[in-house]
Amino acid sequence: MTPNQFRAQHGDPTTWTTAEFDSFQVIAENTQQNPDENTLRTRLTFQAHGVFRAARKTVRVIRHLRVSSTA
């Protein structure tokens, strides 16, 4: 399977699960030495997804700490 085939099967990368991002990354790394524009765009989306996921986790921890400290 190529990265383009994966995108066609799984749709918009902004709606992918973490497992789908991981699968895409493996496919992209194994099938292309010179990635096309769509692959580069999807990789950027993957990186942004990871950053946002980490930020959401940090916000949850901060909220938890705030609630715990006021209790």
PDB file of N, CA and C in Angstrom:
ATOM      1  N   MET A   1       0.849  -1.178   0.000  1.00  0.00           N
ATOM      2  CA  MET A   1       0.000   0.000   0.000  1.00  0.00           C
ATOM      3  C   MET A   1       0.892   1.237   0.000  1.00  0.00           C
ATOM      4  N   THR A   2       0.492   2.229  -0.760  1.00  0.00           N
ATOM      5  CA  THR A   2       1.232   3.488  -0.817  1.00  0.00           C
ATOM      6  C   THR A   2       0.567   4.506   0.117  1.00  0.00           C
ATOM      7  N   PRO A   3       1.280   5.583   0.432  1.00  0.00           N
ATOM      8  CA  PRO A   3       0.644   6.628   1.248  1.00  0.00           C
ATOM      9  C   PRO A   3      -0.632   7.187   0.612  1.00  0.00           C
ATOM     10  N   ASN A   4      -0.633   7.350  -0.705  1.00  0.00           N
ATOM     11  CA  ASN A   4      -1.842   7.864  -1.371  1.00  0.00           C
ATOM     12  C   ASN A   4      -3.004   6.891  -1.240  1.00  0.00           C
ATOM     13  N   GLN A   5      -2.745   5.600  -1.359  1.00  0.00           N
ATOM     14  CA  GLN A   5      -3.796   4.600  -1.197  1.00  0.00           C
ATOM     15  C   GLN A   5      -4.329   4.613   0.239  1.00  0.00           C
ATOM     16  N   PHE A   6      -3.434   4.753   1.190  1.00  0.00           N
ATOM     17  CA  PHE A   6      -3.841   4.805   2.601  1.00  0.00           C
ATOM     18  C   PHE A   6      -4.750   6.003   2.838  1.00  0.00           C
ATOM     19  N   ARG A   7      -4.360   7.169   2.319  1.00  0.00           N
ATOM     20  CA  ARG A   7      -5.188   8.373   2.487  1.00  0.00           C
ATOM     21  C   ARG A   7      -6.547   8.191   1.823  1.00  0.00           C
ATOM     22  N   ALA A   8      -6.568   7.574   0.647  1.00  0.00           N
ATOM     23  CA  ALA A   8      -7.836   7.358  -0.053  1.00  0.00           C
ATOM     24  C   ALA A   8      -8.760   6.442   0.751  1.00  0.00           C
ATOM     25  N   GLN A   9      -8.182   5.459   1.412  1.00  0.00           N
ATOM     26  CA  GLN A   9      -8.971   4.507   2.190  1.00  0.00           C
ATOM     27  C   GLN A   9      -9.425   5.093   3.531  1.00  0.00           C
ATOM     28  N   HIS A  10      -8.596   5.925   4.161  1.00  0.00           N
ATOM     29  CA  HIS A  10      -8.880   6.408   5.515  1.00  0.00           C
ATOM     30  C   HIS A  10      -9.416   7.836   5.573  1.00  0.00           C
ATOM     31  N   GLY A  11      -9.436   8.539   4.453  1.00  0.00           N
ATOM     32  CA  GLY A  11     -10.034   9.872   4.425  1.00  0.00           C
ATOM     33  C   GLY A  11      -9.135  10.961   4.992  1.00  0.00           C
ATOM     34  N   ASP A  12      -9.779  11.998   5.473  1.00  0.00           N
ATOM     35  CA  ASP A  12      -9.108  13.204   5.960  1.00  0.00           C
ATOM     36  C   ASP A  12      -8.188  12.894   7.147  1.00  0.00           C
ATOM     37  N   PRO A  13      -6.885  13.222   7.036  1.00  0.00           N
ATOM     38  CA  PRO A  13      -5.947  12.933   8.131  1.00  0.00           C
ATOM     39  C   PRO A  13      -6.291  13.627   9.446  1.00  0.00           C
ATOM     40  N   THR A  14      -7.044  14.715   9.403  1.00  0.00           N
ATOM     41  CA  THR A  14      -7.375  15.408  10.647  1.00  0.00           C
ATOM     42  C   THR A  14      -8.355  14.604  11.496  1.00  0.00           C
ATOM     43  N   THR A  15      -8.961  13.564  10.918  1.00  0.00           N
ATOM     44  CA  THR A  15      -9.909  12.732  11.664  1.00  0.00           C
ATOM     45  C   THR A  15      -9.315  11.380  12.041  1.00  0.00           C
ATOM     46  N   TRP A  16      -8.050  11.144  11.727  1.00  0.00           N
ATOM     47  CA  TRP A  16      -7.431   9.846  11.991  1.00  0.00           C
ATOM     48  C   TRP A  16      -7.175   9.627  13.475  1.00  0.00           C
ATOM     49  N   THR A  17      -7.181   8.365  13.850  1.00  0.00           N
ATOM     50  CA  THR A  17      -6.811   7.987  15.210  1.00  0.00           C
ATOM     51  C   THR A  17      -5.286   7.940  15.308  1.00  0.00           C
ATOM     52  N   THR A  18      -4.784   7.793  16.505  1.00  0.00           N
ATOM     53  CA  THR A  18      -3.337   7.667  16.705  1.00  0.00           C
ATOM     54  C   THR A  18      -2.809   6.441  15.980  1.00  0.00           C
ATOM     55  N   ALA A  19      -3.559   5.352  16.009  1.00  0.00           N
ATOM     56  CA  ALA A  19      -3.134   4.118  15.321  1.00  0.00           C
ATOM     57  C   ALA A  19      -3.031   4.345  13.811  1.00  0.00           C
ATOM     58  N   GLU A  20      -3.982   5.104  13.247  1.00  0.00           N
ATOM     59  CA  GLU A  20      -3.925   5.391  11.812  1.00  0.00           C
ATOM     60  C   GLU A  20      -2.708   6.252  11.478  1.00  0.00           C
ATOM     61  N   PHE A  21      -2.400   7.226  12.323  1.00  0.00           N
ATOM     62  CA  PHE A  21      -1.206   8.035  12.101  1.00  0.00           C
ATOM     63  C   PHE A  21       0.046   7.173  12.148  1.00  0.00           C
ATOM     64  N   ASP A  22       0.113   6.284  13.122  1.00  0.00           N
ATOM     65  CA  ASP A  22       1.275   5.396  13.228  1.00  0.00           C
ATOM     66  C   ASP A  22       1.410   4.520  11.992  1.00  0.00           C
ATOM     67  N   SER A  23       0.292   3.974  11.531  1.00  0.00           N
ATOM     68  CA  SER A  23       0.319   3.125  10.332  1.00  0.00           C
ATOM     69  C   SER A  23       0.767   3.917   9.117  1.00  0.00           C
ATOM     70  N   PHE A  24       0.214   5.116   8.968  1.00  0.00           N
ATOM     71  CA  PHE A  24       0.611   5.943   7.829  1.00  0.00           C
ATOM     72  C   PHE A  24       2.103   6.250   7.865  1.00  0.00           C
ATOM     73  N   GLN A  25       2.604   6.576   9.030  1.00  0.00           N
ATOM     74  CA  GLN A  25       4.016   6.921   9.149  1.00  0.00           C
ATOM     75  C   GLN A  25       4.902   5.753   8.722  1.00  0.00           C
ATOM     76  N   VAL A  26       4.548   4.555   9.140  1.00  0.00           N
ATOM     77  CA  VAL A  26       5.326   3.374   8.758  1.00  0.00           C
ATOM     78  C   VAL A  26       5.265   3.172   7.248  1.00  0.00           C
ATOM     79  N   ILE A  27       4.075   3.278   6.674  1.00  0.00           N
ATOM     80  CA  ILE A  27       3.923   3.108   5.224  1.00  0.00           C
ATOM     81  C   ILE A  27       4.728   4.162   4.481  1.00  0.00           C
ATOM     82  N   ALA A  28       4.627   5.412   4.912  1.00  0.00           N
ATOM     83  CA  ALA A  28       5.338   6.501   4.233  1.00  0.00           C
ATOM     84  C   ALA A  28       6.847   6.306   4.308  1.00  0.00           C
ATOM     85  N   GLU A  29       7.338   5.893   5.461  1.00  0.00           N
ATOM     86  CA  GLU A  29       8.784   5.700   5.609  1.00  0.00           C
ATOM     87  C   GLU A  29       9.284   4.517   4.806  1.00  0.00           C
ATOM     88  N   ASN A  30       8.469   3.485   4.669  1.00  0.00           N
ATOM     89  CA  ASN A  30       8.906   2.278   3.972  1.00  0.00           C
ATOM     90  C   ASN A  30       8.720   2.315   2.472  1.00  0.00           C
ATOM     91  N   THR A  31       7.880   3.199   1.963  1.00  0.00           N
ATOM     92  CA  THR A  31       7.579   3.158   0.531  1.00  0.00           C
ATOM     93  C   THR A  31       8.178   4.284  -0.287  1.00  0.00           C
ATOM     94  N   GLN A  32       8.628   5.353   0.364  1.00  0.00           N
ATOM     95  CA  GLN A  32       9.095   6.487  -0.441  1.00  0.00           C
ATOM     96  C   GLN A  32      10.382   7.084   0.100  1.00  0.00           C
ATOM     97  N   GLN A  33      11.362   7.180  -0.767  1.00  0.00           N
ATOM     98  CA  GLN A  33      12.586   7.891  -0.423  1.00  0.00           C
ATOM     99  C   GLN A  33      12.398   9.389  -0.639  1.00  0.00           C
ATOM    100  N   ASN A  34      11.613   9.765  -1.661  1.00  0.00           N
ATOM    101  CA  ASN A  34      11.333  11.171  -1.982  1.00  0.00           C
ATOM    102  C   ASN A  34       9.830  11.399  -1.854  1.00  0.00           C
ATOM    103  N   PRO A  35       9.357  11.778  -0.676  1.00  0.00           N
ATOM    104  CA  PRO A  35       7.913  11.899  -0.471  1.00  0.00           C
ATOM    105  C   PRO A  35       7.281  12.990  -1.326  1.00  0.00           C
ATOM    106  N   ASP A  36       6.036  12.727  -1.738  1.00  0.00           N
ATOM    107  CA  ASP A  36       5.308  13.725  -2.526  1.00  0.00           C
ATOM    108  C   ASP A  36       4.697  14.773  -1.594  1.00  0.00           C
ATOM    109  N   GLU A  37       4.081  15.776  -2.177  1.00  0.00           N
ATOM    110  CA  GLU A  37       3.525  16.889  -1.396  1.00  0.00           C
ATOM    111  C   GLU A  37       2.442  16.417  -0.428  1.00  0.00           C
ATOM    112  N   ASN A  38       1.577  15.491  -0.867  1.00  0.00           N
ATOM    113  CA  ASN A  38       0.514  15.003   0.005  1.00  0.00           C
ATOM    114  C   ASN A  38       1.076  14.269   1.218  1.00  0.00           C
ATOM    115  N   THR A  39       2.141  13.497   1.009  1.00  0.00           N
ATOM    116  CA  THR A  39       2.757  12.778   2.116  1.00  0.00           C
ATOM    117  C   THR A  39       3.366  13.756   3.109  1.00  0.00           C
ATOM    118  N   LEU A  40       4.024  14.787   2.605  1.00  0.00           N
ATOM    119  CA  LEU A  40       4.611  15.794   3.487  1.00  0.00           C
ATOM    120  C   LEU A  40       3.526  16.532   4.275  1.00  0.00           C
ATOM    121  N   ARG A  41       2.412  16.833   3.620  1.00  0.00           N
ATOM    122  CA  ARG A  41       1.305  17.512   4.285  1.00  0.00           C
ATOM    123  C   ARG A  41       0.718  16.620   5.385  1.00  0.00           C
ATOM    124  N   THR A  42       0.580  15.338   5.099  1.00  0.00           N
ATOM    125  CA  THR A  42       0.033  14.412   6.096  1.00  0.00           C
ATOM    126  C   THR A  42       0.987  14.261   7.267  1.00  0.00           C
ATOM    127  N   ARG A  43       2.293  14.233   6.994  1.00  0.00           N
ATOM    128  CA  ARG A  43       3.268  14.156   8.086  1.00  0.00           C
ATOM    129  C   ARG A  43       3.177  15.385   8.974  1.00  0.00           C
ATOM    130  N   LEU A  44       2.975  16.561   8.379  1.00  0.00           N
ATOM    131  CA  LEU A  44       2.822  17.784   9.157  1.00  0.00           C
ATOM    132  C   LEU A  44       1.573  17.697  10.032  1.00  0.00           C
ATOM    133  N   THR A  45       0.486  17.167   9.469  1.00  0.00           N
ATOM    134  CA  THR A  45      -0.738  16.971  10.241  1.00  0.00           C
ATOM    135  C   THR A  45      -0.484  16.024  11.401  1.00  0.00           C
ATOM    136  N   PHE A  46       0.278  14.964  11.140  1.00  0.00           N
ATOM    137  CA  PHE A  46       0.630  13.996  12.182  1.00  0.00           C
ATOM    138  C   PHE A  46       1.394  14.674  13.313  1.00  0.00           C
ATOM    139  N   GLN A  47       2.350  15.505  12.964  1.00  0.00           N
ATOM    140  CA  GLN A  47       3.139  16.205  13.983  1.00  0.00           C
ATOM    141  C   GLN A  47       2.260  17.156  14.783  1.00  0.00           C
ATOM    142  N   ALA A  48       1.377  17.871  14.110  1.00  0.00           N
ATOM    143  CA  ALA A  48       0.470  18.787  14.804  1.00  0.00           C
ATOM    144  C   ALA A  48      -0.448  18.013  15.739  1.00  0.00           C
ATOM    145  N   HIS A  49      -0.920  16.857  15.286  1.00  0.00           N
ATOM    146  CA  HIS A  49      -1.783  16.019  16.120  1.00  0.00           C
ATOM    147  C   HIS A  49      -1.062  15.632  17.414  1.00  0.00           C
ATOM    148  N   GLY A  50       0.193  15.268  17.319  1.00  0.00           N
ATOM    149  CA  GLY A  50       0.977  14.899  18.493  1.00  0.00           C
ATOM    150  C   GLY A  50       1.162  16.067  19.446  1.00  0.00           C
ATOM    151  N   VAL A  51       1.404  17.254  18.892  1.00  0.00           N
ATOM    152  CA  VAL A  51       1.578  18.450  19.721  1.00  0.00           C
ATOM    153  C   VAL A  51       0.275  18.781  20.439  1.00  0.00           C
ATOM    154  N   PHE A  52      -0.842  18.742  19.718  1.00  0.00           N
ATOM    155  CA  PHE A  52      -2.125  19.063  20.332  1.00  0.00           C
ATOM    156  C   PHE A  52      -2.510  18.027  21.383  1.00  0.00           C
ATOM    157  N   ARG A  53      -2.208  16.761  21.118  1.00  0.00           N
ATOM    158  CA  ARG A  53      -2.515  15.713  22.089  1.00  0.00           C
ATOM    159  C   ARG A  53      -1.731  15.954  23.379  1.00  0.00           C
ATOM    160  N   ALA A  54      -0.457  16.302  23.248  1.00  0.00           N
ATOM    161  CA  ALA A  54       0.369  16.588  24.429  1.00  0.00           C
ATOM    162  C   ALA A  54      -0.149  17.819  25.166  1.00  0.00           C
ATOM    163  N   ALA A  55      -0.579  18.828  24.426  1.00  0.00           N
ATOM    164  CA  ALA A  55      -1.109  20.044  25.051  1.00  0.00           C
ATOM    165  C   ALA A  55      -2.393  19.746  25.811  1.00  0.00           C
ATOM    166  N   ARG A  56      -3.278  18.936  25.222  1.00  0.00           N
ATOM    167  CA  ARG A  56      -4.516  18.576  25.916  1.00  0.00           C
ATOM    168  C   ARG A  56      -4.219  17.818  27.201  1.00  0.00           C
ATOM    169  N   LYS A  57      -3.250  16.931  27.159  1.00  0.00           N
ATOM    170  CA  LYS A  57      -2.876  16.170  28.353  1.00  0.00           C
ATOM    171  C   LYS A  57      -2.349  17.122  29.428  1.00  0.00           C
ATOM    172  N   THR A  58      -1.532  18.090  29.032  1.00  0.00           N
ATOM    173  CA  THR A  58      -0.987  19.052  29.979  1.00  0.00           C
ATOM    174  C   THR A  58      -2.105  19.869  30.623  1.00  0.00           C
ATOM    175  N   VAL A  59      -3.070  20.293  29.838  1.00  0.00           N
ATOM    176  CA  VAL A  59      -4.204  21.068  30.370  1.00  0.00           C
ATOM    177  C   VAL A  59      -4.991  20.231  31.371  1.00  0.00           C
ATOM    178  N   ARG A  60      -5.208  18.941  31.065  1.00  0.00           N
ATOM    179  CA  ARG A  60      -5.920  18.074  32.009  1.00  0.00           C
ATOM    180  C   ARG A  60      -5.162  17.962  33.327  1.00  0.00           C
ATOM    181  N   VAL A  61      -3.852  17.827  33.254  1.00  0.00           N
ATOM    182  CA  VAL A  61      -3.042  17.718  34.472  1.00  0.00           C
ATOM    183  C   VAL A  61      -3.125  19.002  35.276  1.00  0.00           C
ATOM    184  N   ILE A  62      -3.028  20.141  34.607  1.00  0.00           N
ATOM    185  CA  ILE A  62      -3.104  21.436  35.301  1.00  0.00           C
ATOM    186  C   ILE A  62      -4.465  21.591  35.970  1.00  0.00           C
ATOM    187  N   ARG A  63      -5.528  21.237  35.267  1.00  0.00           N
ATOM    188  CA  ARG A  63      -6.868  21.335  35.864  1.00  0.00           C
ATOM    189  C   ARG A  63      -6.988  20.421  37.078  1.00  0.00           C
ATOM    190  N   HIS A  64      -6.462  19.225  36.951  1.00  0.00           N
ATOM    191  CA  HIS A  64      -6.499  18.282  38.069  1.00  0.00           C
ATOM    192  C   HIS A  64      -5.744  18.845  39.272  1.00  0.00           C
ATOM    193  N   LEU A  65      -4.573  19.420  39.014  1.00  0.00           N
ATOM    194  CA  LEU A  65      -3.780  19.989  40.106  1.00  0.00           C
ATOM    195  C   LEU A  65      -4.496  21.164  40.755  1.00  0.00           C
ATOM    196  N   ARG A  66      -5.161  21.972  39.952  1.00  0.00           N
ATOM    197  CA  ARG A  66      -5.901  23.112  40.501  1.00  0.00           C
ATOM    198  C   ARG A  66      -7.032  22.646  41.405  1.00  0.00           C
ATOM    199  N   VAL A  67      -7.773  21.654  40.935  1.00  0.00           N
ATOM    200  CA  VAL A  67      -8.883  21.138  41.719  1.00  0.00           C
ATOM    201  C   VAL A  67      -8.352  20.501  42.996  1.00  0.00           C
ATOM    202  N   SER A  68      -7.274  19.761  42.884  1.00  0.00           N
ATOM    203  CA  SER A  68      -6.698  19.086  44.056  1.00  0.00           C
ATOM    204  C   SER A  68      -6.176  20.093  45.075  1.00  0.00           C
ATOM    205  N   SER A  69      -5.603  21.188  44.612  1.00  0.00           N
ATOM    206  CA  SER A  69      -5.024  22.166  45.547  1.00  0.00           C
ATOM    207  C   SER A  69      -6.079  23.011  46.231  1.00  0.00           C
ATOM    208  N   THR A  70      -7.260  23.148  45.629  1.00  0.00           N
ATOM    209  CA  THR A  70      -8.327  23.944  46.247  1.00  0.00           C
ATOM    210  C   THR A  70      -9.214  23.107  47.140  1.00  0.00           C
ATOM    211  N   ALA A  71      -9.084  21.811  47.056  1.00  0.00           N
ATOM    212  CA  ALA A  71      -9.949  20.918  47.859  1.00  0.00           C
ATOM    213  C   ALA A  71      -9.449  20.796  49.288  1.00  0.00           C
TER     214      ALA A  71
END
